[in-house]
PDB file of N, CA and C in Angstrom:
ATOM      1  N   MET A   1     -11.481 204.533-121.899  1.00  0.00           N
ATOM      2  CA  MET A   1     -10.429 205.251-122.580  1.00  0.00           C
ATOM      3  C   MET A   1      -9.730 206.199-121.607  1.00  0.00           C
ATOM      4  N   SER A   2      -8.710 205.745-120.979  1.00  0.00           N
ATOM      5  CA  SER A   2      -7.998 206.576-120.021  1.00  0.00           C
ATOM      6  C   SER A   2      -7.223 207.698-120.699  1.00  0.00           C
ATOM      7  N   ASP A   3      -7.032 207.602-122.026  1.00  0.00           N
ATOM      8  CA  ASP A   3      -6.324 208.653-122.746  1.00  0.00           C
ATOM      9  C   ASP A   3      -7.057 209.983-122.662  1.00  0.00           C
ATOM     10  N   TYR A   4      -8.392 209.965-122.420  1.00  0.00           N
ATOM     11  CA  TYR A   4      -9.149 211.205-122.320  1.00  0.00           C
ATOM     12  C   TYR A   4      -8.607 212.085-121.204  1.00  0.00           C
ATOM     13  N   GLU A   5      -8.068 211.466-120.172  1.00  0.00           N
ATOM     14  CA  GLU A   5      -7.579 212.221-119.032  1.00  0.00           C
ATOM     15  C   GLU A   5      -6.297 212.993-119.363  1.00  0.00           C
ATOM     16  N   ASP A   6      -5.555 212.582-120.387  1.00  0.00           N
ATOM     17  CA  ASP A   6      -4.291 213.228-120.713  1.00  0.00           C
ATOM     18  C   ASP A   6      -4.479 214.644-121.229  1.00  0.00           C
ATOM     19  N   SER A   7      -5.328 214.827-122.213  1.00  0.00           N
ATOM     20  CA  SER A   7      -5.559 216.141-122.796  1.00  0.00           C
ATOM     21  C   SER A   7      -6.906 216.143-123.474  1.00  0.00           C
ATOM     22  N   THR A   8      -7.629 217.250-123.326  1.00  0.00           N
ATOM     23  CA  THR A   8      -8.915 217.335-123.999  1.00  0.00           C
ATOM     24  C   THR A   8      -8.877 218.341-125.142  1.00  0.00           C
ATOM     25  N   LEU A   9      -7.766 219.029-125.338  1.00  0.00           N
ATOM     26  CA  LEU A   9      -7.648 219.947-126.465  1.00  0.00           C
ATOM     27  C   LEU A   9      -7.171 219.173-127.682  1.00  0.00           C
ATOM     28  N   PRO A  10      -7.955 219.149-128.738  1.00  0.00           N
ATOM     29  CA  PRO A  10      -7.598 218.343-129.906  1.00  0.00           C
ATOM     30  C   PRO A  10      -6.324 218.836-130.587  1.00  0.00           C
ATOM     31  N   GLU A  11      -5.458 217.912-130.893  1.00  0.00           N
ATOM     32  CA  GLU A  11      -4.201 218.243-131.563  1.00  0.00           C
ATOM     33  C   GLU A  11      -4.430 218.310-133.066  1.00  0.00           C
ATOM     34  N   GLY A  12      -3.839 219.304-133.705  1.00  0.00           N
ATOM     35  CA  GLY A  12      -3.926 219.428-135.145  1.00  0.00           C
ATOM     36  C   GLY A  12      -5.065 220.307-135.630  1.00  0.00           C
ATOM     37  N   PHE A  13      -5.861 220.861-134.720  1.00  0.00           N
ATOM     38  CA  PHE A  13      -6.975 221.742-135.071  1.00  0.00           C
ATOM     39  C   PHE A  13      -6.680 223.141-134.527  1.00  0.00           C
ATOM     40  N   PHE A  14      -6.846 224.140-135.375  1.00  0.00           N
ATOM     41  CA  PHE A  14      -6.541 225.510-134.974  1.00  0.00           C
ATOM     42  C   PHE A  14      -7.701 226.424-135.365  1.00  0.00           C
ATOM     43  N   LEU A  15      -8.220 227.173-134.397  1.00  0.00           N
ATOM     44  CA  LEU A  15      -9.314 228.103-134.640  1.00  0.00           C
ATOM     45  C   LEU A  15      -8.765 229.519-134.707  1.00  0.00           C
ATOM     46  N   LYS A  16      -9.278 230.295-135.642  1.00  0.00           N
ATOM     47  CA  LYS A  16      -8.896 231.695-135.779  1.00  0.00           C
ATOM     48  C   LYS A  16     -10.170 232.518-135.904  1.00  0.00           C
ATOM     49  N   PRO A  17     -10.140 233.749-135.405  1.00  0.00           N
ATOM     50  CA  PRO A  17     -11.309 234.613-135.606  1.00  0.00           C
ATOM     51  C   PRO A  17     -11.422 234.971-137.087  1.00  0.00           C
ATOM     52  N   PRO A  18     -12.592 235.416-137.518  1.00  0.00           N
ATOM     53  CA  PRO A  18     -12.741 235.789-138.930  1.00  0.00           C
ATOM     54  C   PRO A  18     -11.848 236.984-139.265  1.00  0.00           C
ATOM     55  N   HIS A  19     -11.433 237.080-140.521  1.00  0.00           N
ATOM     56  CA  HIS A  19     -10.607 238.221-140.912  1.00  0.00           C
ATOM     57  C   HIS A  19     -11.467 239.488-140.897  1.00  0.00           C
ATOM     58  N   ASN A  20     -10.837 240.633-140.885  1.00  0.00           N
ATOM     59  CA  ASN A  20     -11.529 241.909-140.708  1.00  0.00           C
ATOM     60  C   ASN A  20     -12.601 242.187-141.764  1.00  0.00           C
ATOM     61  N   ASN A  21     -12.432 241.712-142.977  1.00  0.00           N
ATOM     62  CA  ASN A  21     -13.390 241.979-144.046  1.00  0.00           C
ATOM     63  C   ASN A  21     -14.424 240.870-144.223  1.00  0.00           C
ATOM     64  N   ALA A  22     -14.469 239.924-143.312  1.00  0.00           N
ATOM     65  CA  ALA A  22     -15.402 238.803-143.437  1.00  0.00           C
ATOM     66  C   ALA A  22     -16.828 239.278-143.175  1.00  0.00           C
ATOM     67  N   PRO A  23     -17.807 238.704-143.873  1.00  0.00           N
ATOM     68  CA  PRO A  23     -19.202 239.048-143.594  1.00  0.00           C
ATOM     69  C   PRO A  23     -19.612 238.564-142.204  1.00  0.00           C
ATOM     70  N   ALA A  24     -20.688 239.111-141.678  1.00  0.00           N
ATOM     71  CA  ALA A  24     -21.134 238.810-140.306  1.00  0.00           C
ATOM     72  C   ALA A  24     -21.434 237.340-140.092  1.00  0.00           C
ATOM     73  N   TRP A  25     -21.828 236.628-141.145  1.00  0.00           N
ATOM     74  CA  TRP A  25     -22.185 235.226-140.965  1.00  0.00           C
ATOM     75  C   TRP A  25     -20.958 234.316-140.885  1.00  0.00           C
ATOM     76  N   VAL A  26     -19.762 234.827-141.145  1.00  0.00           N
ATOM     77  CA  VAL A  26     -18.531 234.042-140.965  1.00  0.00           C
ATOM     78  C   VAL A  26     -18.082 234.231-139.519  1.00  0.00           C
ATOM     79  N   LYS A  27     -18.073 233.166-138.762  1.00  0.00           N
ATOM     80  CA  LYS A  27     -17.754 233.229-137.333  1.00  0.00           C
ATOM     81  C   LYS A  27     -16.302 232.901-137.016  1.00  0.00           C
ATOM     82  N   GLY A  28     -15.570 232.345-137.955  1.00  0.00           N
ATOM     83  CA  GLY A  28     -14.175 232.027-137.713  1.00  0.00           C
ATOM     84  C   GLY A  28     -13.640 231.102-138.779  1.00  0.00           C
ATOM     85  N   GLN A  29     -12.398 230.695-138.577  1.00  0.00           N
ATOM     86  CA  GLN A  29     -11.729 229.785-139.495  1.00  0.00           C
ATOM     87  C   GLN A  29     -11.180 228.614-138.694  1.00  0.00           C
ATOM     88  N   ILE A  30     -11.156 227.452-139.311  1.00  0.00           N
ATOM     89  CA  ILE A  30     -10.557 226.272-138.694  1.00  0.00           C
ATOM     90  C   ILE A  30      -9.448 225.788-139.619  1.00  0.00           C
ATOM     91  N   GLY A  31      -8.239 225.693-139.085  1.00  0.00           N
ATOM     92  CA  GLY A  31      -7.123 225.114-139.811  1.00  0.00           C
ATOM     93  C   GLY A  31      -6.869 223.722-139.267  1.00  0.00           C
ATOM     94  N   ILE A  32      -6.601 222.786-140.149  1.00  0.00           N
ATOM     95  CA  ILE A  32      -6.378 221.399-139.719  1.00  0.00           C
ATOM     96  C   ILE A  32      -5.048 220.920-140.272  1.00  0.00           C
ATOM     97  N   LYS A  33      -4.139 220.560-139.369  1.00  0.00           N
ATOM     98  CA  LYS A  33      -2.880 219.921-139.769  1.00  0.00           C
ATOM     99  C   LYS A  33      -3.197 218.434-139.896  1.00  0.00           C
ATOM    100  N   VAL A  34      -3.334 217.973-141.093  1.00  0.00           N
ATOM    101  CA  VAL A  34      -3.932 216.674-141.398  1.00  0.00           C
ATOM    102  C   VAL A  34      -3.258 215.509-140.670  1.00  0.00           C
ATOM    103  N   ASP A  35      -1.947 215.373-140.776  1.00  0.00           N
ATOM    104  CA  ASP A  35      -1.277 214.211-140.165  1.00  0.00           C
ATOM    105  C   ASP A  35      -1.475 214.191-138.654  1.00  0.00           C
ATOM    106  N   THR A  36      -1.343 215.341-138.010  1.00  0.00           N
ATOM    107  CA  THR A  36      -1.520 215.425-136.551  1.00  0.00           C
ATOM    108  C   THR A  36      -2.965 215.144-136.173  1.00  0.00           C
ATOM    109  N   ALA A  37      -3.907 215.727-136.925  1.00  0.00           N
ATOM    110  CA  ALA A  37      -5.326 215.548-136.628  1.00  0.00           C
ATOM    111  C   ALA A  37      -5.747 214.094-136.802  1.00  0.00           C
ATOM    112  N   ILE A  38      -5.292 213.445-137.854  1.00  0.00           N
ATOM    113  CA  ILE A  38      -5.659 212.040-138.085  1.00  0.00           C
ATOM    114  C   ILE A  38      -5.153 211.166-136.940  1.00  0.00           C
ATOM    115  N   GLU A  39      -3.943 211.392-136.509  1.00  0.00           N
ATOM    116  CA  GLU A  39      -3.396 210.625-135.387  1.00  0.00           C
ATOM    117  C   GLU A  39      -4.238 210.840-134.125  1.00  0.00           C
ATOM    118  N   TYR A  40      -4.608 212.089-133.869  1.00  0.00           N
ATOM    119  CA  TYR A  40      -5.428 212.414-132.702  1.00  0.00           C
ATOM    120  C   TYR A  40      -6.805 211.748-132.814  1.00  0.00           C
ATOM    121  N   LEU A  41      -7.421 211.855-133.981  1.00  0.00           N
ATOM    122  CA  LEU A  41      -8.749 211.286-134.183  1.00  0.00           C
ATOM    123  C   LEU A  41      -8.736 209.765-134.022  1.00  0.00           C
ATOM    124  N   GLN A  42      -7.711 209.109-134.530  1.00  0.00           N
ATOM    125  CA  GLN A  42      -7.594 207.662-134.374  1.00  0.00           C
ATOM    126  C   GLN A  42      -7.460 207.286-132.895  1.00  0.00           C
ATOM    127  N   LYS A  43      -6.729 208.084-132.154  1.00  0.00           N
ATOM    128  CA  LYS A  43      -6.474 207.800-130.743  1.00  0.00           C
ATOM    129  C   LYS A  43      -7.743 207.930-129.896  1.00  0.00           C
ATOM    130  N   PHE A  44      -8.605 208.897-130.243  1.00  0.00           N
ATOM    131  CA  PHE A  44      -9.746 209.194-129.383  1.00  0.00           C
ATOM    132  C   PHE A  44     -11.103 208.815-129.965  1.00  0.00           C
ATOM    133  N   LYS A  45     -11.159 208.082-131.068  1.00  0.00           N
ATOM    134  CA  LYS A  45     -12.464 207.714-131.619  1.00  0.00           C
ATOM    135  C   LYS A  45     -13.192 206.777-130.657  1.00  0.00           C
ATOM    136  N   ASN A  46     -14.513 206.893-130.646  1.00  0.00           N
ATOM    137  CA  ASN A  46     -15.307 206.046-129.756  1.00  0.00           C
ATOM    138  C   ASN A  46     -15.629 204.711-130.437  1.00  0.00           C
ATOM    139  N   ASP A  47     -16.444 203.912-129.787  1.00  0.00           N
ATOM    140  CA  ASP A  47     -16.774 202.571-130.302  1.00  0.00           C
ATOM    141  C   ASP A  47     -17.460 202.611-131.664  1.00  0.00           C
ATOM    142  N   LYS A  48     -18.115 203.737-131.971  1.00  0.00           N
ATOM    143  CA  LYS A  48     -18.813 203.861-133.247  1.00  0.00           C
ATOM    144  C   LYS A  48     -17.953 204.572-134.295  1.00  0.00           C
ATOM    145  N   GLY A  49     -16.717 204.919-133.934  1.00  0.00           N
ATOM    146  CA  GLY A  49     -15.809 205.551-134.882  1.00  0.00           C
ATOM    147  C   GLY A  49     -15.864 207.065-134.916  1.00  0.00           C
ATOM    148  N   TYR A  50     -16.547 207.679-133.962  1.00  0.00           N
ATOM    149  CA  TYR A  50     -16.679 209.129-133.928  1.00  0.00           C
ATOM    150  C   TYR A  50     -15.760 209.747-132.883  1.00  0.00           C
ATOM    151  N   VAL A  51     -15.359 210.995-133.126  1.00  0.00           N
ATOM    152  CA  VAL A  51     -14.718 211.838-132.123  1.00  0.00           C
ATOM    153  C   VAL A  51     -15.617 213.062-132.015  1.00  0.00           C
ATOM    154  N   ASN A  52     -16.132 213.314-130.831  1.00  0.00           N
ATOM    155  CA  ASN A  52     -17.028 214.447-130.623  1.00  0.00           C
ATOM    156  C   ASN A  52     -16.254 215.598-130.006  1.00  0.00           C
ATOM    157  N   LEU A  53     -16.329 216.744-130.669  1.00  0.00           N
ATOM    158  CA  LEU A  53     -15.649 217.943-130.203  1.00  0.00           C
ATOM    159  C   LEU A  53     -16.694 219.005-129.878  1.00  0.00           C
ATOM    160  N   ASP A  54     -16.473 219.741-128.804  1.00  0.00           N
ATOM    161  CA  ASP A  54     -17.339 220.858-128.438  1.00  0.00           C
ATOM    162  C   ASP A  54     -16.651 222.155-128.831  1.00  0.00           C
ATOM    163  N   LEU A  55     -17.392 223.086-129.388  1.00  0.00           N
ATOM    164  CA  LEU A  55     -16.894 224.429-129.660  1.00  0.00           C
ATOM    165  C   LEU A  55     -17.263 225.272-128.453  1.00  0.00           C
ATOM    166  N   LYS A  56     -16.257 225.805-127.763  1.00  0.00           N
ATOM    167  CA  LYS A  56     -16.478 226.529-126.513  1.00  0.00           C
ATOM    168  C   LYS A  56     -15.923 227.943-126.618  1.00  0.00           C
ATOM    169  N   GLU A  57     -16.346 228.776-125.681  1.00  0.00           N
ATOM    170  CA  GLU A  57     -15.852 230.143-125.617  1.00  0.00           C
ATOM    171  C   GLU A  57     -15.181 230.348-124.263  1.00  0.00           C
ATOM    172  N   SER A  58     -13.951 230.843-124.278  1.00  0.00           N
ATOM    173  CA  SER A  58     -13.221 231.093-123.040  1.00  0.00           C
ATOM    174  C   SER A  58     -13.768 232.345-122.361  1.00  0.00           C
ATOM    175  N   LYS A  59     -13.371 232.568-121.114  1.00  0.00           N
ATOM    176  CA  LYS A  59     -13.793 233.770-120.393  1.00  0.00           C
ATOM    177  C   LYS A  59     -13.319 235.029-121.113  1.00  0.00           C
ATOM    178  N   ALA A  60     -12.210 234.928-121.833  1.00  0.00           N
ATOM    179  CA  ALA A  60     -11.669 236.069-122.578  1.00  0.00           C
ATOM    180  C   ALA A  60     -12.404 236.278-123.902  1.00  0.00           C
ATOM    181  N   GLY A  61     -13.330 235.372-124.249  1.00  0.00           N
ATOM    182  CA  GLY A  61     -14.105 235.510-125.467  1.00  0.00           C
ATOM    183  C   GLY A  61     -13.530 234.787-126.671  1.00  0.00           C
ATOM    184  N   ASN A  62     -12.456 234.037-126.480  1.00  0.00           N
ATOM    185  CA  ASN A  62     -11.846 233.281-127.581  1.00  0.00           C
ATOM    186  C   ASN A  62     -12.554 231.938-127.754  1.00  0.00           C
ATOM    187  N   LEU A  63     -12.729 231.522-128.993  1.00  0.00           N
ATOM    188  CA  LEU A  63     -13.322 230.214-129.276  1.00  0.00           C
ATOM    189  C   LEU A  63     -12.237 229.145-129.298  1.00  0.00           C
ATOM    190  N   TYR A  64     -12.588 227.943-128.828  1.00  0.00           N
ATOM    191  CA  TYR A  64     -11.653 226.831-128.880  1.00  0.00           C
ATOM    192  C   TYR A  64     -12.420 225.527-128.960  1.00  0.00           C
ATOM    193  N   LEU A  65     -11.744 224.495-129.419  1.00  0.00           N
ATOM    194  CA  LEU A  65     -12.320 223.151-129.484  1.00  0.00           C
ATOM    195  C   LEU A  65     -11.883 222.365-128.260  1.00  0.00           C
ATOM    196  N   ASP A  66     -12.769 221.509-127.781  1.00  0.00           N
ATOM    197  CA  ASP A  66     -12.474 220.670-126.631  1.00  0.00           C
ATOM    198  C   ASP A  66     -13.079 219.291-126.880  1.00  0.00           C
ATOM    199  N   LEU A  67     -12.367 218.258-126.510  1.00  0.00           N
ATOM    200  CA  LEU A  67     -12.850 216.893-126.672  1.00  0.00           C
ATOM    201  C   LEU A  67     -14.045 216.670-125.755  1.00  0.00           C
ATOM    202  N   ASN A  68     -15.130 216.169-126.303  1.00  0.00           N
ATOM    203  CA  ASN A  68     -16.303 215.834-125.505  1.00  0.00           C
ATOM    204  C   ASN A  68     -16.090 214.425-124.964  1.00  0.00           C
ATOM    205  N   CYS A  69     -15.875 214.319-123.666  1.00  0.00           N
ATOM    206  CA  CYS A  69     -15.537 213.043-123.026  1.00  0.00           C
ATOM    207  C   CYS A  69     -16.748 212.320-122.453  1.00  0.00           C
ATOM    208  N   PHE A  70     -17.959 212.820-122.711  1.00  0.00           N
ATOM    209  CA  PHE A  70     -19.155 212.213-122.141  1.00  0.00           C
ATOM    210  C   PHE A  70     -19.342 210.789-122.661  1.00  0.00           C
ATOM    211  N   ILE A  71     -19.503 209.867-121.743  1.00  0.00           N
ATOM    212  CA  ILE A  71     -19.798 208.474-122.080  1.00  0.00           C
ATOM    213  C   ILE A  71     -21.046 208.102-121.293  1.00  0.00           C
ATOM    214  N   PRO A  72     -22.178 207.872-121.975  1.00  0.00           N
ATOM    215  CA  PRO A  72     -23.403 207.555-121.244  1.00  0.00           C
ATOM    216  C   PRO A  72     -23.289 206.220-120.523  1.00  0.00           C
ATOM    217  N   LYS A  73     -23.974 206.151-119.394  1.00  0.00           N
ATOM    218  CA  LYS A  73     -24.003 204.894-118.655  1.00  0.00           C
ATOM    219  C   LYS A  73     -24.901 203.909-119.392  1.00  0.00           C
ATOM    220  N   PRO A  74     -24.568 202.625-119.322  1.00  0.00           N
ATOM    221  CA  PRO A  74     -25.461 201.621-119.908  1.00  0.00           C
ATOM    222  C   PRO A  74     -26.829 201.684-119.213  1.00  0.00           C
ATOM    223  N   PRO A  75     -27.903 201.339-119.907  1.00  0.00           N
ATOM    224  CA  PRO A  75     -29.254 201.442-119.320  1.00  0.00           C
ATOM    225  C   PRO A  75     -29.388 200.744-117.967  1.00  0.00           C
ATOM    226  N   GLU A  76     -28.713 199.624-117.792  1.00  0.00           N
ATOM    227  CA  GLU A  76     -28.846 198.905-116.515  1.00  0.00           C
ATOM    228  C   GLU A  76     -28.188 199.638-115.346  1.00  0.00           C
ATOM    229  N   GLU A  77     -27.326 200.606-115.615  1.00  0.00           N
ATOM    230  CA  GLU A  77     -26.663 201.355-114.555  1.00  0.00           C
ATOM    231  C   GLU A  77     -27.320 202.709-114.285  1.00  0.00           C
ATOM    232  N   ARG A  78     -28.296 203.094-115.101  1.00  0.00           N
ATOM    233  CA  ARG A  78     -28.965 204.373-114.914  1.00  0.00           C
ATOM    234  C   ARG A  78     -29.927 204.290-113.744  1.00  0.00           C
ATOM    235  N   THR A  79     -30.044 205.389-113.023  1.00  0.00           N
ATOM    236  CA  THR A  79     -30.973 205.434-111.899  1.00  0.00           C
ATOM    237  C   THR A  79     -32.134 206.352-112.253  1.00  0.00           C
ATOM    238  N   ILE A  80     -33.281 206.054-111.702  1.00  0.00           N
ATOM    239  CA  ILE A  80     -34.467 206.878-111.900  1.00  0.00           C
ATOM    240  C   ILE A  80     -34.625 207.745-110.665  1.00  0.00           C
ATOM    241  N   ALA A  81     -34.798 209.045-110.891  1.00  0.00           N
ATOM    242  CA  ALA A  81     -34.960 209.963-109.762  1.00  0.00           C
ATOM    243  C   ALA A  81     -36.247 209.631-109.023  1.00  0.00           C
ATOM    244  N   PRO A  82     -36.207 209.710-107.684  1.00  0.00           N
ATOM    245  CA  PRO A  82     -37.425 209.428-106.927  1.00  0.00           C
ATOM    246  C   PRO A  82     -38.486 210.502-107.204  1.00  0.00           C
ATOM    247  N   THR A  83     -39.751 210.112-107.054  1.00  0.00           N
ATOM    248  CA  THR A  83     -40.849 211.046-107.254  1.00  0.00           C
ATOM    249  C   THR A  83     -40.829 212.086-106.139  1.00  0.00           C
ATOM    250  N   PRO A  84     -40.880 213.381-106.504  1.00  0.00           N
ATOM    251  CA  PRO A  84     -40.899 214.409-105.463  1.00  0.00           C
ATOM    252  C   PRO A  84     -42.161 214.294-104.612  1.00  0.00           C
ATOM    253  N   VAL A  85     -42.007 214.502-103.319  1.00  0.00           N
ATOM    254  CA  VAL A  85     -43.135 214.435-102.394  1.00  0.00           C
ATOM    255  C   VAL A  85     -43.382 215.827-101.843  1.00  0.00           C
ATOM    256  N   VAL A  86     -44.648 216.299-101.956  1.00  0.00           N
ATOM    257  CA  VAL A  86     -45.022 217.615-101.452  1.00  0.00           C
ATOM    258  C   VAL A  86     -46.208 217.433-100.517  1.00  0.00           C
ATOM    259  N   ASN A  87     -46.083 217.908 -99.296  1.00  0.00           N
ATOM    260  CA  ASN A  87     -47.154 217.814 -98.300  1.00  0.00           C
ATOM    261  C   ASN A  87     -47.652 216.379 -98.134  1.00  0.00           C
ATOM    262  N   GLY A  88     -46.740 215.453 -98.143  1.00  0.00           N
ATOM    263  CA  GLY A  88     -47.092 214.057 -97.928  1.00  0.00           C
ATOM    264  C   GLY A  88     -47.661 213.360 -99.150  1.00  0.00           C
ATOM    265  N   LYS A  89     -47.760 214.062-100.288  1.00  0.00           N
ATOM    266  CA  LYS A  89     -48.299 213.469-101.507  1.00  0.00           C
ATOM    267  C   LYS A  89     -47.256 213.581-102.609  1.00  0.00           C
ATOM    268  N   ASP A  90     -47.232 212.590-103.485  1.00  0.00           N
ATOM    269  CA  ASP A  90     -46.330 212.720-104.621  1.00  0.00           C
ATOM    270  C   ASP A  90     -47.005 213.592-105.692  1.00  0.00           C
ATOM    271  N   ASP A  91     -46.230 214.079-106.637  1.00  0.00           N
ATOM    272  CA  ASP A  91     -46.724 215.004-107.673  1.00  0.00           C
ATOM    273  C   ASP A  91     -47.748 214.358-108.601  1.00  0.00           C
ATOM    274  N   PHE A  92     -47.886 213.049-108.565  1.00  0.00           N
ATOM    275  CA  PHE A  92     -48.774 212.383-109.504  1.00  0.00           C
ATOM    276  C   PHE A  92     -50.133 212.076-108.909  1.00  0.00           C
ATOM    277  N   ASP A  93     -50.399 212.581-107.703  1.00  0.00           N
ATOM    278  CA  ASP A  93     -51.723 212.381-107.118  1.00  0.00           C
ATOM    279  C   ASP A  93     -52.756 213.150-107.922  1.00  0.00           C
ATOM    280  N   ASP A  94     -53.940 212.548-108.041  1.00  0.00           N
ATOM    281  CA  ASP A  94     -55.045 213.212-108.727  1.00  0.00           C
ATOM    282  C   ASP A  94     -55.522 214.378-107.865  1.00  0.00           C
ATOM    283  N   PRO A  95     -55.533 215.615-108.421  1.00  0.00           N
ATOM    284  CA  PRO A  95     -55.929 216.766-107.596  1.00  0.00           C
ATOM    285  C   PRO A  95     -57.420 216.864-107.344  1.00  0.00           C
ATOM    286  N   PHE A  96     -58.236 215.970-107.918  1.00  0.00           N
ATOM    287  CA  PHE A  96     -59.699 216.085-107.753  1.00  0.00           C
ATOM    288  C   PHE A  96     -60.219 215.120-106.763  1.00  0.00           C
TER     289      PHE A  96
END
């Protein structure tokens, strides 16, 4: 999906901080512009029909949504880390 490279900020989703009288357990509000959001979700859904979004915090302390672009490698392409070697022995040597 090369479209991921275009923009990772989801279109049609708007985050706002909680209003001044909100209880402590309310962390914010999410507004969704339905037509825009549906178009965005259709464009970026994965093979299983999901769009994964991460809730992040900027350096300024503002919350925002970001498209999670992680795509796991197929099992045949995964590599296994080599066993660490210490003093000529690997970590799995019997210490007795």
